Amino acid sequence: MRSFLGRDILSLKDFERSEFFRVFEVASELEPIARERRNTDILAEKTMVTAFYQPSTRTRLAHEAAMHRLGGHVTGFSDAKMTRAGDWYQESIKDTVKMLEYYGDVIVMRHFQQGAPAEAAKWASVPIINAGDGWGEHPTQVLTDLYTVLNEMGTIDGLTFLCIGDMRMRTMHSLSYALTQFDAQVIYVAPPEMSLTDDFKKELDKYNLRYTEAEHVADVIDQADVIYMEPVVQPDYTKARQEASENKGMTPANYQVTRKLLADKAKPDSIILHSLPRMDELPPDVDSTRHARYWEEAFNGVVMRMALLALTLGAME
């Protein structure tokens, strides 16, 4: 297994099965720190730089909380418009990253351009962690999701994942790549204009992922062990920021998971994951059902980022 020390976390295409379990192992070791709301000093001499060119709530704050839990320091920006990268100068990724690497020991980047973190990694002498790049990937979120599944279900192998939403989403890409390393199968449900592209299907076929597509959640939810959701009503992730319009639209019933649908058709022990934010595809009254795991998923987001920071910075190698 390759070392994580100094390693960029850019894509889950790069992950081997043993590496998933190493990350899960470290997350499990560190979880009590977060669960007990304690801080340690294992990264006391390290600084994390955040470079967020797109809005974020959970991803940015989870990374920052993780670094604080490990005793490290945090600096960076959450609004590129307030930097030279986002104002009149439009400073290049190369020039920005060549500066940021002097300010810390790891850079966590979210960007509206697919491939931007990989471009940053070409120029940085410190690890780059991809916190979401346009329609590309979101590896730290999906590592969080699979860690949640492992904790809740006791396994990832042998499960059926029902993926509902926009298949252009970076989480859907990373999850699909990740599941090629497990004995799992996937059912995709998406609006036609948001369905799997032919190029992505070719990739999944090359990696031997077992998957099917369906038109209506209600037709297949009874097969699902893990119900994995994203909105179909959402902004354009290739833009730095998109303000809400007066009429955002409503989610068609085909792509909603309601309390009644769960009661009528879902497996009793199935779980729902959603990286959030949500629209009307997942009504709030589902929160109090036995299926909801997205709040635990959010907690695990801190734990997983703790593990990745500890590994890439050498504290747990």
Protein backbone atom coordinates (compact mmCIF):
# COMPACT_ATOMS: atom_id res chain seq x y z
CA MET A 1 0.00 0.00 0.00
CA ARG A 2 1.29 3.45 -0.91
CA SER A 3 2.18 5.93 1.80
CA PHE A 4 -0.24 8.78 2.46
CA LEU A 5 2.54 11.06 3.69
CA GLY A 6 2.68 14.12 1.47
CA ARG A 7 0.07 12.65 -0.86
CA ASP A 8 -2.50 14.66 -2.80
CA ILE A 9 -6.11 13.56 -2.31
CA LEU A 10 -7.55 14.44 -5.71
CA SER A 11 -9.63 11.52 -6.95
CA LEU A 12 -11.00 8.20 -5.77
CA LYS A 13 -9.96 6.68 -9.08
CA ASP A 14 -6.54 6.54 -7.45
CA PHE A 15 -7.63 4.60 -4.39
CA GLU A 16 -7.03 0.89 -3.96
CA ARG A 17 -9.22 -1.24 -1.72
CA SER A 18 -6.60 -1.50 1.03
CA GLU A 19 -6.23 2.29 1.08
CA PHE A 20 -9.92 2.77 1.78
CA PHE A 21 -9.65 0.51 4.79
CA ARG A 22 -6.49 2.23 6.03
CA VAL A 23 -8.31 5.58 5.99
CA PHE A 24 -11.32 4.02 7.74
CA GLU A 25 -9.00 2.50 10.37
CA VAL A 26 -7.39 5.85 11.16
CA ALA A 27 -10.80 7.57 11.24
CA SER A 28 -11.99 5.00 13.76
CA GLU A 29 -8.93 5.62 15.95
CA LEU A 30 -9.49 9.38 15.91
CA GLU A 31 -13.29 9.35 16.19
CA PRO A 32 -13.40 9.41 20.03
CA ILE A 33 -11.64 12.78 19.99
CA ALA A 34 -14.44 14.33 17.97
CA ARG A 35 -17.17 12.36 19.73
CA GLU A 36 -15.98 13.62 23.10
CA ARG A 37 -15.43 17.15 21.76
CA ARG A 38 -11.77 17.10 22.72
CA ASN A 39 -8.71 18.58 21.03
CA THR A 40 -5.29 16.93 20.75
CA ASP A 41 -1.88 18.23 19.77
CA ILE A 42 -0.83 15.71 17.10
CA LEU A 43 -0.79 18.42 14.40
CA ALA A 44 0.14 21.29 16.73
CA GLU A 45 3.00 22.37 14.50
CA LYS A 46 1.04 22.23 11.24
CA THR A 47 -1.10 24.77 9.37
CA MET A 48 -3.89 24.08 6.89
CA VAL A 49 -4.69 26.61 4.16
CA THR A 50 -8.23 26.66 2.74
CA ALA A 51 -8.75 27.96 -0.80
CA PHE A 52 -12.49 27.94 -1.46
CA TYR A 53 -13.51 29.44 -4.78
CA GLN A 54 -17.09 28.19 -4.32
CA PRO A 55 -19.54 28.43 -1.41
CA SER A 56 -19.33 25.71 1.23
CA THR A 57 -20.77 25.05 4.65
CA ARG A 58 -19.98 21.47 5.64
CA THR A 59 -16.83 20.79 3.64
CA ARG A 60 -14.89 23.89 4.62
CA LEU A 61 -15.99 23.94 8.25
CA ALA A 62 -15.48 20.19 8.65
CA HIS A 63 -11.87 20.55 7.46
CA GLU A 64 -11.34 23.50 9.78
CA ALA A 65 -12.94 21.71 12.73
CA ALA A 66 -10.82 18.64 11.99
CA MET A 67 -7.62 20.68 12.02
CA HIS A 68 -8.60 22.35 15.28
CA ARG A 69 -9.42 18.96 16.85
CA LEU A 70 -5.91 17.82 15.92
CA GLY A 71 -4.34 20.95 17.44
CA GLY A 72 -3.32 22.53 14.14
CA HIS A 73 -3.76 26.01 12.75
CA VAL A 74 -6.04 27.28 9.97
CA THR A 75 -5.80 30.14 7.51
CA GLY A 76 -7.19 30.77 4.05
CA PHE A 77 -10.15 32.24 2.21
CA SER A 78 -13.78 31.30 1.70
CA ASP A 79 -14.64 33.96 -0.88
CA ALA A 80 -12.35 34.22 -3.87
CA LYS A 81 -13.83 37.63 -4.72
CA MET A 82 -11.94 38.99 -1.74
CA THR A 83 -8.62 37.72 -3.14
CA ARG A 84 -6.51 38.57 -6.19
CA ALA A 85 -7.65 35.26 -7.66
CA GLY A 86 -11.22 36.50 -7.83
CA ASP A 87 -10.94 40.24 -8.39
CA TRP A 88 -9.82 42.25 -11.42
CA TYR A 89 -6.46 40.42 -11.59
CA GLN A 90 -7.91 36.89 -11.85
CA GLU A 91 -4.60 35.50 -10.61
CA SER A 92 -3.81 32.07 -12.02
CA ILE A 93 -4.01 28.87 -10.01
CA LYS A 94 -0.26 28.45 -10.41
CA ASP A 95 0.55 31.87 -8.99
CA THR A 96 -1.98 31.56 -6.17
CA VAL A 97 -0.80 28.13 -5.11
CA LYS A 98 2.88 29.11 -5.29
CA MET A 99 2.03 31.71 -2.63
CA LEU A 100 -0.26 29.54 -0.52
CA GLU A 101 2.31 26.77 -0.15
CA TYR A 102 4.46 29.18 1.88
CA TYR A 103 1.60 29.84 4.29
CA GLY A 104 0.87 26.29 5.40
CA ASP A 105 1.58 22.57 5.21
CA VAL A 106 -1.52 21.38 3.31
CA ILE A 107 -3.96 23.16 0.98
CA VAL A 108 -7.66 22.26 0.84
CA MET A 109 -9.17 23.56 -2.40
CA ARG A 110 -12.72 23.83 -3.71
CA HIS A 111 -13.07 25.21 -7.21
CA PHE A 112 -15.75 25.65 -9.86
CA GLN A 113 -13.37 24.42 -12.58
CA GLN A 114 -13.09 20.67 -12.95
CA GLY A 115 -9.44 19.68 -12.57
CA ALA A 116 -8.38 22.83 -10.71
CA PRO A 117 -7.06 20.96 -7.63
CA ALA A 118 -5.08 18.66 -9.92
CA GLU A 119 -3.63 21.73 -11.63
CA ALA A 120 -2.74 23.14 -8.19
CA ALA A 121 -1.00 19.89 -7.29
CA LYS A 122 1.37 20.36 -10.25
CA TRP A 123 2.77 23.52 -8.66
CA ALA A 124 2.46 22.95 -4.91
CA SER A 125 5.16 21.37 -2.78
CA VAL A 126 2.58 20.57 -0.09
CA PRO A 127 -0.37 18.14 -0.34
CA ILE A 128 -3.52 19.32 -2.12
CA ILE A 129 -6.89 17.99 -0.93
CA ASN A 130 -9.73 18.25 -3.43
CA ALA A 131 -12.79 19.65 -1.64
CA GLY A 132 -14.90 19.50 -4.81
CA ASP A 133 -14.06 20.63 -8.34
CA GLY A 134 -16.96 21.65 -10.57
CA TRP A 135 -18.69 18.57 -11.94
CA GLY A 136 -15.51 16.55 -11.26
CA GLU A 137 -15.09 14.75 -7.94
CA HIS A 138 -15.53 15.17 -4.20
CA PRO A 139 -13.30 12.49 -2.66
CA THR A 140 -13.40 13.61 0.98
CA GLN A 141 -17.20 13.60 0.99
CA VAL A 142 -17.46 10.10 -0.44
CA LEU A 143 -14.83 8.76 1.95
CA THR A 144 -17.06 10.22 4.66
CA ASP A 145 -20.11 8.54 3.15
CA LEU A 146 -18.50 5.10 2.91
CA TYR A 147 -17.14 5.38 6.44
CA THR A 148 -20.71 6.09 7.56
CA VAL A 149 -22.00 3.07 5.65
CA LEU A 150 -19.32 0.85 7.16
CA ASN A 151 -20.14 2.03 10.69
CA GLU A 152 -23.90 1.73 10.24
CA MET A 153 -24.12 -1.46 8.17
CA GLY A 154 -20.95 -3.26 9.26
CA THR A 155 -19.87 -3.72 5.63
CA ILE A 156 -19.79 -2.13 2.20
CA ASP A 157 -19.46 -5.39 0.31
CA GLY A 158 -22.72 -7.05 -0.66
CA LEU A 159 -24.80 -3.86 -0.48
CA THR A 160 -27.00 -2.25 -3.10
CA PHE A 161 -26.72 1.53 -3.42
CA LEU A 162 -29.64 3.47 -4.85
CA CYS A 163 -28.24 6.75 -6.21
CA ILE A 164 -30.90 9.40 -6.80
CA GLY A 165 -30.32 12.83 -8.29
CA ASP A 166 -28.08 14.52 -10.81
CA MET A 167 -25.47 12.09 -12.10
CA ARG A 168 -23.28 14.99 -13.21
CA MET A 169 -22.62 15.68 -9.52
CA ARG A 170 -19.09 15.27 -8.23
CA THR A 171 -20.27 13.10 -5.34
CA MET A 172 -21.90 10.67 -7.78
CA HIS A 173 -18.67 10.43 -9.73
CA SER A 174 -16.50 9.79 -6.66
CA LEU A 175 -18.96 7.30 -5.20
CA SER A 176 -19.09 5.34 -8.44
CA TYR A 177 -15.31 5.19 -8.69
CA ALA A 178 -15.05 4.14 -5.04
CA LEU A 179 -17.59 1.33 -5.33
CA THR A 180 -15.53 -0.33 -8.06
CA GLN A 181 -13.28 -1.47 -5.17
CA PHE A 182 -16.13 -3.21 -3.34
CA ASP A 183 -18.55 -6.05 -4.03
CA ALA A 184 -21.45 -3.66 -4.36
CA GLN A 185 -24.00 -2.80 -7.00
CA VAL A 186 -25.61 0.53 -7.89
CA ILE A 187 -28.99 1.58 -9.21
CA TYR A 188 -29.04 5.08 -10.72
CA VAL A 189 -32.24 7.16 -10.90
CA ALA A 190 -31.99 10.56 -12.58
CA PRO A 191 -33.87 12.88 -14.92
CA PRO A 192 -32.94 12.13 -18.55
CA GLU A 193 -30.93 15.33 -18.91
CA MET A 194 -29.00 14.49 -15.72
CA SER A 195 -28.45 10.78 -16.33
CA LEU A 196 -25.14 8.96 -16.73
CA THR A 197 -23.25 10.15 -19.78
CA ASP A 198 -22.04 7.65 -22.35
CA ASP A 199 -18.42 8.49 -21.54
CA PHE A 200 -18.96 7.90 -17.83
CA LYS A 201 -20.71 4.59 -18.54
CA LYS A 202 -17.69 3.49 -20.54
CA GLU A 203 -15.49 4.29 -17.56
CA LEU A 204 -17.72 2.34 -15.19
CA ASP A 205 -17.77 -0.59 -17.58
CA LYS A 206 -13.97 -0.50 -17.76
CA TYR A 207 -13.82 -0.68 -13.96
CA ASN A 208 -16.41 -3.50 -13.87
CA LEU A 209 -18.91 -1.68 -11.69
CA ARG A 210 -22.21 -3.54 -11.49
CA TYR A 211 -24.96 -1.02 -12.16
CA THR A 212 -28.39 -0.51 -13.68
CA GLU A 213 -30.59 2.49 -14.37
CA ALA A 214 -34.23 3.03 -13.44
CA GLU A 215 -36.79 5.76 -14.11
CA HIS A 216 -38.67 5.90 -10.80
CA VAL A 217 -37.44 5.62 -7.23
CA ALA A 218 -40.61 3.80 -6.19
CA ASP A 219 -39.83 0.94 -8.59
CA VAL A 220 -36.46 0.08 -7.06
CA ILE A 221 -36.28 1.44 -3.51
CA ASP A 222 -37.18 -2.00 -2.13
CA GLN A 223 -33.79 -3.28 -3.39
CA ALA A 224 -31.71 -0.59 -1.70
CA ASP A 225 -29.56 -0.98 1.39
CA VAL A 226 -28.16 2.54 1.04
CA ILE A 227 -30.26 5.36 -0.43
CA TYR A 228 -27.80 7.99 -1.63
CA MET A 229 -29.35 11.32 -2.55
CA GLU A 230 -28.48 14.60 -4.24
CA PRO A 231 -30.86 17.34 -5.44
CA VAL A 232 -32.05 17.57 -9.02
CA VAL A 233 -32.92 21.23 -8.37
CA GLN A 234 -29.56 22.90 -7.87
CA PRO A 235 -27.13 25.57 -9.10
CA ASP A 236 -24.61 25.24 -11.90
CA TYR A 237 -21.45 23.85 -10.31
CA THR A 238 -19.27 25.23 -13.09
CA LYS A 239 -19.86 28.76 -11.78
CA ALA A 240 -18.15 30.39 -8.82
CA ARG A 241 -21.53 31.38 -7.41
CA GLN A 242 -25.11 31.33 -8.61
CA GLU A 243 -27.77 33.32 -6.83
CA ALA A 244 -31.23 31.86 -6.32
CA SER A 245 -33.99 32.76 -8.73
CA GLU A 246 -37.52 33.46 -7.56
CA ASN A 247 -38.73 30.13 -8.90
CA LYS A 248 -36.22 27.36 -8.31
CA GLY A 249 -38.63 24.65 -9.42
CA MET A 250 -39.86 21.59 -7.60
CA THR A 251 -38.50 18.05 -7.52
CA PRO A 252 -40.66 15.58 -9.48
CA ALA A 253 -42.00 12.65 -7.46
CA ASN A 254 -39.73 10.25 -9.40
CA TYR A 255 -36.74 11.63 -7.52
CA GLN A 256 -38.19 12.21 -4.06
CA VAL A 257 -37.89 9.99 -1.00
CA THR A 258 -40.81 10.58 1.34
CA ARG A 259 -41.77 9.18 4.70
CA LYS A 260 -44.70 7.33 3.09
CA LEU A 261 -42.53 5.79 0.39
CA LEU A 262 -40.09 4.56 3.01
CA ALA A 263 -42.89 3.05 5.09
CA ASP A 264 -44.54 1.38 2.11
CA LYS A 265 -41.59 0.08 0.10
CA ALA A 266 -38.13 0.52 1.64
CA LYS A 267 -36.18 -2.19 3.43
CA PRO A 268 -36.66 -1.75 7.19
CA ASP A 269 -32.90 -1.48 7.77
CA SER A 270 -32.02 0.70 4.78
CA ILE A 271 -30.26 4.00 5.46
CA ILE A 272 -30.41 7.38 3.74
CA LEU A 273 -27.32 9.49 3.08
CA HIS A 274 -27.40 13.04 1.73
CA SER A 275 -24.34 15.30 1.60
CA LEU A 276 -26.65 18.35 1.89
CA PRO A 277 -27.89 20.99 1.31
CA ARG A 278 -31.24 19.57 0.28
CA MET A 279 -34.26 20.90 -1.53
CA ASP A 280 -37.66 19.18 -1.53
CA GLU A 281 -36.30 15.79 -2.64
CA LEU A 282 -35.95 14.80 1.03
CA PRO A 283 -38.71 16.28 3.21
CA PRO A 284 -37.84 17.22 6.81
CA ASP A 285 -40.27 14.66 8.26
CA VAL A 286 -37.89 11.92 7.07
CA ASP A 287 -35.36 13.20 9.62
CA SER A 288 -37.11 11.42 12.47
CA THR A 289 -37.31 8.04 10.72
CA ARG A 290 -34.97 5.15 11.47
CA HIS A 291 -33.55 5.48 7.95
CA ALA A 292 -31.97 8.92 8.34
CA ARG A 293 -28.20 8.92 8.73
CA TYR A 294 -27.25 12.28 7.21
CA TRP A 295 -26.65 13.96 10.57
CA GLU A 296 -24.25 11.19 11.57
CA GLU A 297 -22.78 11.54 8.09
CA ALA A 298 -22.12 15.22 8.83
CA PHE A 299 -20.37 14.33 12.10
CA ASN A 300 -18.29 11.74 10.28
CA GLY A 301 -17.23 14.49 7.91
CA VAL A 302 -15.08 15.93 10.69
CA VAL A 303 -13.72 12.51 11.61
CA MET A 304 -12.80 11.66 8.01
CA ARG A 305 -11.03 14.98 7.48
CA MET A 306 -9.13 14.37 10.72
CA ALA A 307 -7.96 11.04 9.32
CA LEU A 308 -6.91 12.49 5.96
CA LEU A 309 -5.03 15.40 7.54
CA ALA A 310 -3.29 13.11 10.04
CA LEU A 311 -2.26 10.74 7.26
CA THR A 312 -1.11 13.25 4.67
CA LEU A 313 0.82 15.24 7.26
CA GLY A 314 2.47 12.13 8.70
CA ALA A 315 0.98 12.05 12.19
CA MET A 316 -0.59 8.60 11.73
CA GLU A 317 1.71 7.03 9.15
